[in-house]
């Protein structure tokens, strides 16, 4: 029984750690897009707007996926 508890704890810990690492990578991507947006704005380089919009669309999809994963791992809404 103790082995099962340790195994469940290890699995849950691994899932939470993975979620934290995904969150950090996601934050780094957001920072990159923010800096690119600020640079395009300061240079008034409007040709970069479609590229930035596409990157933001990808971030939005990834954010929804990350939230769904967090909800499933933490037992909140979003199951099923």
PDB file of N, CA and C in Angstrom:
ATOM      1  N   UNK A   1       0.819  -1.180   0.000  1.00  0.00           N
ATOM      2  CA  UNK A   1       0.000   0.000   0.000  1.00  0.00           C
ATOM      3  C   UNK A   1       0.875   1.260   0.000  1.00  0.00           C
ATOM      4  N   UNK A   2       1.973   1.197   0.725  1.00  0.00           N
ATOM      5  CA  UNK A   2       2.878   2.340   0.786  1.00  0.00           C
ATOM      6  C   UNK A   2       3.487   2.628  -0.579  1.00  0.00           C
ATOM      7  N   UNK A   3       3.780   1.552  -1.328  1.00  0.00           N
ATOM      8  CA  UNK A   3       4.343   1.726  -2.674  1.00  0.00           C
ATOM      9  C   UNK A   3       3.346   2.418  -3.591  1.00  0.00           C
ATOM     10  N   UNK A   4       2.064   2.068  -3.458  1.00  0.00           N
ATOM     11  CA  UNK A   4       1.023   2.689  -4.272  1.00  0.00           C
ATOM     12  C   UNK A   4       0.915   4.170  -3.939  1.00  0.00           C
ATOM     13  N   UNK A   5       0.950   4.518  -2.659  1.00  0.00           N
ATOM     14  CA  UNK A   5       0.878   5.923  -2.253  1.00  0.00           C
ATOM     15  C   UNK A   5       2.071   6.709  -2.783  1.00  0.00           C
ATOM     16  N   UNK A   6       3.249   6.118  -2.691  1.00  0.00           N
ATOM     17  CA  UNK A   6       4.449   6.783  -3.192  1.00  0.00           C
ATOM     18  C   UNK A   6       4.374   6.949  -4.703  1.00  0.00           C
ATOM     19  N   UNK A   7       3.844   5.937  -5.370  1.00  0.00           N
ATOM     20  CA  UNK A   7       3.716   5.997  -6.823  1.00  0.00           C
ATOM     21  C   UNK A   7       2.725   7.083  -7.239  1.00  0.00           C
ATOM     22  N   UNK A   8       1.607   7.175  -6.542  1.00  0.00           N
ATOM     23  CA  UNK A   8       0.610   8.211  -6.838  1.00  0.00           C
ATOM     24  C   UNK A   8       1.174   9.602  -6.566  1.00  0.00           C
ATOM     25  N   UNK A   9       1.897   9.737  -5.452  1.00  0.00           N
ATOM     26  CA  UNK A   9       2.506  11.024  -5.133  1.00  0.00           C
ATOM     27  C   UNK A   9       3.529  11.409  -6.194  1.00  0.00           C
ATOM     28  N   UNK A  10       4.358  10.464  -6.597  1.00  0.00           N
ATOM     29  CA  UNK A  10       5.374  10.733  -7.613  1.00  0.00           C
ATOM     30  C   UNK A  10       4.752  11.122  -8.940  1.00  0.00           C
ATOM     31  N   UNK A  11       3.686  10.427  -9.317  1.00  0.00           N
ATOM     32  CA  UNK A  11       3.002  10.752 -10.564  1.00  0.00           C
ATOM     33  C   UNK A  11       2.375  12.134 -10.528  1.00  0.00           C
ATOM     34  N   UNK A  12       1.721  12.459  -9.416  1.00  0.00           N
ATOM     35  CA  UNK A  12       1.100  13.773  -9.269  1.00  0.00           C
ATOM     36  C   UNK A  12       2.161  14.863  -9.243  1.00  0.00           C
ATOM     37  N   UNK A  13       3.237  14.606  -8.526  1.00  0.00           N
ATOM     38  CA  UNK A  13       4.337  15.584  -8.472  1.00  0.00           C
ATOM     39  C   UNK A  13       4.898  15.830  -9.864  1.00  0.00           C
ATOM     40  N   UNK A  14       5.066  14.759 -10.632  1.00  0.00           N
ATOM     41  CA  UNK A  14       5.580  14.891 -12.001  1.00  0.00           C
ATOM     42  C   UNK A  14       4.647  15.705 -12.879  1.00  0.00           C
ATOM     43  N   UNK A  15       3.344  15.475 -12.749  1.00  0.00           N
ATOM     44  CA  UNK A  15       2.373  16.237 -13.529  1.00  0.00           C
ATOM     45  C   UNK A  15       2.412  17.723 -13.173  1.00  0.00           C
ATOM     46  N   UNK A  16       2.450  18.012 -11.881  1.00  0.00           N
ATOM     47  CA  UNK A  16       2.482  19.417 -11.437  1.00  0.00           C
ATOM     48  C   UNK A  16       3.785  20.081 -11.874  1.00  0.00           C
ATOM     49  N   UNK A  17       4.895  19.381 -11.751  1.00  0.00           N
ATOM     50  CA  UNK A  17       6.181  19.931 -12.184  1.00  0.00           C
ATOM     51  C   UNK A  17       6.153  20.215 -13.688  1.00  0.00           C
ATOM     52  N   UNK A  18       5.607  19.289 -14.460  1.00  0.00           N
ATOM     53  CA  UNK A  18       5.488  19.500 -15.900  1.00  0.00           C
ATOM     54  C   UNK A  18       4.640  20.714 -16.223  1.00  0.00           C
ATOM     55  N   UNK A  19       3.569  20.905 -15.472  1.00  0.00           N
ATOM     56  CA  UNK A  19       2.692  22.056 -15.666  1.00  0.00           C
ATOM     57  C   UNK A  19       3.426  23.358 -15.354  1.00  0.00           C
ATOM     58  N   UNK A  20       4.218  23.358 -14.312  1.00  0.00           N
ATOM     59  CA  UNK A  20       4.998  24.544 -13.948  1.00  0.00           C
ATOM     60  C   UNK A  20       6.009  24.863 -15.044  1.00  0.00           C
ATOM     61  N   UNK A  21       6.699  23.856 -15.540  1.00  0.00           N
ATOM     62  CA  UNK A  21       7.692  24.084 -16.597  1.00  0.00           C
ATOM     63  C   UNK A  21       7.027  24.576 -17.877  1.00  0.00           C
ATOM     64  N   UNK A  22       5.859  24.025 -18.217  1.00  0.00           N
ATOM     65  CA  UNK A  22       5.123  24.517 -19.381  1.00  0.00           C
ATOM     66  C   UNK A  22       4.728  25.971 -19.184  1.00  0.00           C
ATOM     67  N   UNK A  23       4.325  26.313 -17.981  1.00  0.00           N
ATOM     68  CA  UNK A  23       3.943  27.698 -17.675  1.00  0.00           C
ATOM     69  C   UNK A  23       5.114  28.645 -17.835  1.00  0.00           C
ATOM     70  N   UNK A  24       6.277  28.229 -17.405  1.00  0.00           N
ATOM     71  CA  UNK A  24       7.466  29.084 -17.565  1.00  0.00           C
ATOM     72  C   UNK A  24       7.827  29.288 -19.028  1.00  0.00           C
ATOM     73  N   UNK A  25       7.746  28.219 -19.802  1.00  0.00           N
ATOM     74  CA  UNK A  25       8.031  28.329 -21.237  1.00  0.00           C
ATOM     75  C   UNK A  25       7.004  29.226 -21.912  1.00  0.00           C
ATOM     76  N   UNK A  26       5.759  29.112 -21.497  1.00  0.00           N
ATOM     77  CA  UNK A  26       4.693  29.941 -22.053  1.00  0.00           C
ATOM     78  C   UNK A  26       4.939  31.409 -21.719  1.00  0.00           C
ATOM     79  N   UNK A  27       5.341  31.690 -20.484  1.00  0.00           N
ATOM     80  CA  UNK A  27       5.642  33.068 -20.078  1.00  0.00           C
ATOM     81  C   UNK A  27       6.797  33.635 -20.902  1.00  0.00           C
ATOM     82  N   UNK A  28       7.785  32.820 -21.192  1.00  0.00           N
ATOM     83  CA  UNK A  28       8.922  33.283 -22.007  1.00  0.00           C
ATOM     84  C   UNK A  28       8.464  33.625 -23.424  1.00  0.00           C
ATOM     85  N   UNK A  29       7.547  32.828 -23.964  1.00  0.00           N
ATOM     86  CA  UNK A  29       7.005  33.128 -25.304  1.00  0.00           C
ATOM     87  C   UNK A  29       6.227  34.437 -25.294  1.00  0.00           C
ATOM     88  N   UNK A  30       5.443  34.661 -24.242  1.00  0.00           N
ATOM     89  CA  UNK A  30       4.681  35.908 -24.133  1.00  0.00           C
ATOM     90  C   UNK A  30       5.637  37.092 -24.071  1.00  0.00           C
ATOM     91  N   UNK A  31       6.704  36.965 -23.299  1.00  0.00           N
ATOM     92  CA  UNK A  31       7.693  38.041 -23.187  1.00  0.00           C
ATOM     93  C   UNK A  31       8.323  38.336 -24.550  1.00  0.00           C
ATOM     94  N   UNK A  32       8.622  37.301 -25.312  1.00  0.00           N
ATOM     95  CA  UNK A  32       9.216  37.475 -26.643  1.00  0.00           C
ATOM     96  C   UNK A  32       8.269  38.248 -27.564  1.00  0.00           C
ATOM     97  N   UNK A  33       7.004  37.871 -27.566  1.00  0.00           N
ATOM     98  CA  UNK A  33       6.027  38.559 -28.410  1.00  0.00           C
ATOM     99  C   UNK A  33       5.851  40.007 -27.947  1.00  0.00           C
ATOM    100  N   UNK A  34       5.860  40.226 -26.634  1.00  0.00           N
ATOM    101  CA  UNK A  34       5.744  41.595 -26.111  1.00  0.00           C
ATOM    102  C   UNK A  34       6.895  42.456 -26.599  1.00  0.00           C
ATOM    103  N   UNK A  35       8.113  41.924 -26.510  1.00  0.00           N
ATOM    104  CA  UNK A  35       9.281  42.691 -26.950  1.00  0.00           C
ATOM    105  C   UNK A  35       9.222  42.969 -28.452  1.00  0.00           C
ATOM    106  N   UNK A  36       8.812  41.964 -29.240  1.00  0.00           N
ATOM    107  CA  UNK A  36       8.695  42.163 -30.690  1.00  0.00           C
ATOM    108  C   UNK A  36       7.634  43.213 -31.006  1.00  0.00           C
ATOM    109  N   UNK A  37       6.553  43.210 -30.244  1.00  0.00           N
ATOM    110  CA  UNK A  37       5.485  44.198 -30.446  1.00  0.00           C
ATOM    111  C   UNK A  37       5.980  45.596 -30.108  1.00  0.00           C
ATOM    112  N   UNK A  38       6.679  45.727 -28.996  1.00  0.00           N
ATOM    113  CA  UNK A  38       7.221  47.034 -28.606  1.00  0.00           C
ATOM    114  C   UNK A  38       8.202  47.549 -29.650  1.00  0.00           C
ATOM    115  N   UNK A  39       9.038  46.659 -30.172  1.00  0.00           N
ATOM    116  CA  UNK A  39      10.011  47.054 -31.187  1.00  0.00           C
ATOM    117  C   UNK A  39       9.305  47.501 -32.471  1.00  0.00           C
ATOM    118  N   UNK A  40       8.312  46.740 -32.900  1.00  0.00           N
ATOM    119  CA  UNK A  40       7.568  47.098 -34.112  1.00  0.00           C
ATOM    120  C   UNK A  40       6.851  48.427 -33.919  1.00  0.00           C
ATOM    121  N   UNK A  41       6.313  48.642 -32.732  1.00  0.00           N
ATOM    122  CA  UNK A  41       5.594  49.883 -32.441  1.00  0.00           C
ATOM    123  C   UNK A  41       6.551  51.073 -32.442  1.00  0.00           C
ATOM    124  N   UNK A  42       7.698  50.913 -31.806  1.00  0.00           N
ATOM    125  CA  UNK A  42       8.644  52.034 -31.724  1.00  0.00           C
ATOM    126  C   UNK A  42       9.211  52.397 -33.097  1.00  0.00           C
ATOM    127  N   UNK A  43       9.362  51.391 -33.955  1.00  0.00           N
ATOM    128  CA  UNK A  43       9.874  51.646 -35.309  1.00  0.00           C
ATOM    129  C   UNK A  43       8.749  51.946 -36.309  1.00  0.00           C
ATOM    130  N   UNK A  44       7.534  51.825 -35.833  1.00  0.00           N
ATOM    131  CA  UNK A  44       6.347  51.970 -36.679  1.00  0.00           C
ATOM    132  C   UNK A  44       6.433  51.052 -37.897  1.00  0.00           C
ATOM    133  N   UNK A  45       6.829  49.814 -37.618  1.00  0.00           N
ATOM    134  CA  UNK A  45       6.961  48.797 -38.654  1.00  0.00           C
ATOM    135  C   UNK A  45       5.676  47.975 -38.690  1.00  0.00           C
ATOM    136  N   UNK A  46       4.679  48.510 -39.381  1.00  0.00           N
ATOM    137  CA  UNK A  46       3.358  47.891 -39.408  1.00  0.00           C
ATOM    138  C   UNK A  46       3.352  46.590 -40.203  1.00  0.00           C
ATOM    139  N   UNK A  47       4.381  46.330 -40.979  1.00  0.00           N
ATOM    140  CA  UNK A  47       4.433  45.083 -41.750  1.00  0.00           C
ATOM    141  C   UNK A  47       4.584  43.860 -40.846  1.00  0.00           C
ATOM    142  N   UNK A  48       5.013  44.066 -39.611  1.00  0.00           N
ATOM    143  CA  UNK A  48       5.182  42.944 -38.672  1.00  0.00           C
ATOM    144  C   UNK A  48       3.881  42.570 -37.974  1.00  0.00           C
ATOM    145  N   UNK A  49       2.847  43.400 -38.126  1.00  0.00           N
ATOM    146  CA  UNK A  49       1.601  43.139 -37.408  1.00  0.00           C
ATOM    147  C   UNK A  49       0.970  41.790 -37.767  1.00  0.00           C
ATOM    148  N   UNK A  50       0.916  41.392 -39.032  1.00  0.00           N
ATOM    149  CA  UNK A  50       0.342  40.066 -39.314  1.00  0.00           C
ATOM    150  C   UNK A  50       1.127  38.914 -38.677  1.00  0.00           C
ATOM    151  N   UNK A  51       2.431  39.055 -38.624  1.00  0.00           N
ATOM    152  CA  UNK A  51       3.266  38.026 -37.994  1.00  0.00           C
ATOM    153  C   UNK A  51       2.982  37.963 -36.498  1.00  0.00           C
ATOM    154  N   UNK A  52       2.901  39.140 -35.867  1.00  0.00           N
ATOM    155  CA  UNK A  52       2.615  39.196 -34.438  1.00  0.00           C
ATOM    156  C   UNK A  52       1.217  38.675 -34.136  1.00  0.00           C
ATOM    157  N   UNK A  53       0.256  38.992 -35.003  1.00  0.00           N
ATOM    158  CA  UNK A  53      -1.114  38.495 -34.812  1.00  0.00           C
ATOM    159  C   UNK A  53      -1.139  36.973 -34.872  1.00  0.00           C
ATOM    160  N   UNK A  54      -0.398  36.383 -35.786  1.00  0.00           N
ATOM    161  CA  UNK A  54      -0.331  34.926 -35.891  1.00  0.00           C
ATOM    162  C   UNK A  54       0.310  34.322 -34.641  1.00  0.00           C
ATOM    163  N   UNK A  55       1.348  34.972 -34.139  1.00  0.00           N
ATOM    164  CA  UNK A  55       1.995  34.484 -32.919  1.00  0.00           C
ATOM    165  C   UNK A  55       1.035  34.565 -31.734  1.00  0.00           C
ATOM    166  N   UNK A  56       0.261  35.648 -31.664  1.00  0.00           N
ATOM    167  CA  UNK A  56      -0.709  35.793 -30.580  1.00  0.00           C
ATOM    168  C   UNK A  56      -1.818  34.749 -30.684  1.00  0.00           C
ATOM    169  N   UNK A  57      -2.218  34.420 -31.888  1.00  0.00           N
ATOM    170  CA  UNK A  57      -3.228  33.379 -32.077  1.00  0.00           C
ATOM    171  C   UNK A  57      -2.703  32.033 -31.566  1.00  0.00           C
ATOM    172  N   UNK A  58      -1.442  31.743 -31.866  1.00  0.00           N
ATOM    173  CA  UNK A  58      -0.825  30.521 -31.357  1.00  0.00           C
ATOM    174  C   UNK A  58      -0.734  30.522 -29.840  1.00  0.00           C
ATOM    175  N   UNK A  59      -0.398  31.667 -29.262  1.00  0.00           N
ATOM    176  CA  UNK A  59      -0.337  31.775 -27.804  1.00  0.00           C
ATOM    177  C   UNK A  59      -1.710  31.555 -27.176  1.00  0.00           C
ATOM    178  N   UNK A  60      -2.734  32.099 -27.820  1.00  0.00           N
ATOM    179  CA  UNK A  60      -4.087  31.922 -27.304  1.00  0.00           C
ATOM    180  C   UNK A  60      -4.466  30.440 -27.273  1.00  0.00           C
ATOM    181  N   UNK A  61      -4.200  29.726 -28.347  1.00  0.00           N
ATOM    182  CA  UNK A  61      -4.506  28.293 -28.403  1.00  0.00           C
ATOM    183  C   UNK A  61      -3.713  27.528 -27.346  1.00  0.00           C
ATOM    184  N   UNK A  62      -2.435  27.862 -27.209  1.00  0.00           N
ATOM    185  CA  UNK A  62      -1.600  27.186 -26.217  1.00  0.00           C
ATOM    186  C   UNK A  62      -2.063  27.489 -24.791  1.00  0.00           C
ATOM    187  N   UNK A  63      -2.513  28.729 -24.554  1.00  0.00           N
ATOM    188  CA  UNK A  63      -3.007  29.104 -23.226  1.00  0.00           C
ATOM    189  C   UNK A  63      -4.243  28.285 -22.875  1.00  0.00           C
ATOM    190  N   UNK A  64      -5.148  28.140 -23.830  1.00  0.00           N
ATOM    191  CA  UNK A  64      -6.352  27.351 -23.573  1.00  0.00           C
ATOM    192  C   UNK A  64      -5.998  25.900 -23.287  1.00  0.00           C
ATOM    193  N   UNK A  65      -5.029  25.369 -23.999  1.00  0.00           N
ATOM    194  CA  UNK A  65      -4.586  23.999 -23.773  1.00  0.00           C
ATOM    195  C   UNK A  65      -3.951  23.852 -22.389  1.00  0.00           C
ATOM    196  N   UNK A  66      -3.116  24.802 -22.025  1.00  0.00           N
ATOM    197  CA  UNK A  66      -2.442  24.768 -20.726  1.00  0.00           C
ATOM    198  C   UNK A  66      -3.454  24.865 -19.585  1.00  0.00           C
ATOM    199  N   UNK A  67      -4.452  25.717 -19.747  1.00  0.00           N
ATOM    200  CA  UNK A  67      -5.490  25.850 -18.722  1.00  0.00           C
ATOM    201  C   UNK A  67      -6.283  24.551 -18.603  1.00  0.00           C
ATOM    202  N   UNK A  68      -6.600  23.952 -19.730  1.00  0.00           N
ATOM    203  CA  UNK A  68      -7.312  22.675 -19.702  1.00  0.00           C
ATOM    204  C   UNK A  68      -6.519  21.596 -18.994  1.00  0.00           C
ATOM    205  N   UNK A  69      -5.223  21.549 -19.263  1.00  0.00           N
ATOM    206  CA  UNK A  69      -4.363  20.567 -18.597  1.00  0.00           C
ATOM    207  C   UNK A  69      -4.336  20.810 -17.095  1.00  0.00           C
ATOM    208  N   UNK A  70      -4.205  22.075 -16.713  1.00  0.00           N
ATOM    209  CA  UNK A  70      -4.156  22.422 -15.286  1.00  0.00           C
ATOM    210  C   UNK A  70      -5.456  22.026 -14.597  1.00  0.00           C
ATOM    211  N   UNK A  71      -6.570  22.285 -15.258  1.00  0.00           N
ATOM    212  CA  UNK A  71      -7.861  21.937 -14.659  1.00  0.00           C
ATOM    213  C   UNK A  71      -7.999  20.427 -14.487  1.00  0.00           C
ATOM    214  N   UNK A  72      -7.572  19.659 -15.476  1.00  0.00           N
ATOM    215  CA  UNK A  72      -7.662  18.212 -15.360  1.00  0.00           C
ATOM    216  C   UNK A  72      -6.729  17.692 -14.260  1.00  0.00           C
ATOM    217  N   UNK A  73      -5.513  18.228 -14.189  1.00  0.00           N
ATOM    218  CA  UNK A  73      -4.550  17.762 -13.184  1.00  0.00           C
ATOM    219  C   UNK A  73      -5.008  18.130 -11.783  1.00  0.00           C
ATOM    220  N   UNK A  74      -5.517  19.341 -11.625  1.00  0.00           N
ATOM    221  CA  UNK A  74      -5.896  19.822 -10.303  1.00  0.00           C
ATOM    222  C   UNK A  74      -7.332  19.449  -9.926  1.00  0.00           C
ATOM    223  N   UNK A  75      -8.028  18.772 -10.832  1.00  0.00           N
ATOM    224  CA  UNK A  75      -9.353  18.271 -10.501  1.00  0.00           C
ATOM    225  C   UNK A  75     -10.463  19.295 -10.636  1.00  0.00           C
ATOM    226  N   UNK A  76     -10.200  20.376 -11.338  1.00  0.00           N
ATOM    227  CA  UNK A  76     -11.228  21.402 -11.501  1.00  0.00           C
ATOM    228  C   UNK A  76     -12.115  21.129 -12.669  1.00  0.00           C
ATOM    229  N   UNK A  77     -12.802  22.157 -13.102  1.00  0.00           N
ATOM    230  CA  UNK A  77     -13.682  22.050 -14.266  1.00  0.00           C
ATOM    231  C   UNK A  77     -12.830  21.735 -15.497  1.00  0.00           C
ATOM    232  N   UNK A  78     -13.468  21.286 -16.540  1.00  0.00           N
ATOM    233  CA  UNK A  78     -12.758  21.029 -17.781  1.00  0.00           C
ATOM    234  C   UNK A  78     -12.566  19.559 -18.071  1.00  0.00           C
ATOM    235  N   UNK A  79     -13.093  18.716 -17.218  1.00  0.00           N
ATOM    236  CA  UNK A  79     -12.994  17.272 -17.485  1.00  0.00           C
ATOM    237  C   UNK A  79     -14.013  16.880 -18.537  1.00  0.00           C
ATOM    238  N   UNK A  80     -13.672  15.797 -19.243  1.00  0.00           N
ATOM    239  CA  UNK A  80     -14.646  15.228 -20.156  1.00  0.00           C
ATOM    240  C   UNK A  80     -14.469  15.688 -21.472  1.00  0.00           C
TER     241      UNK A  80
END
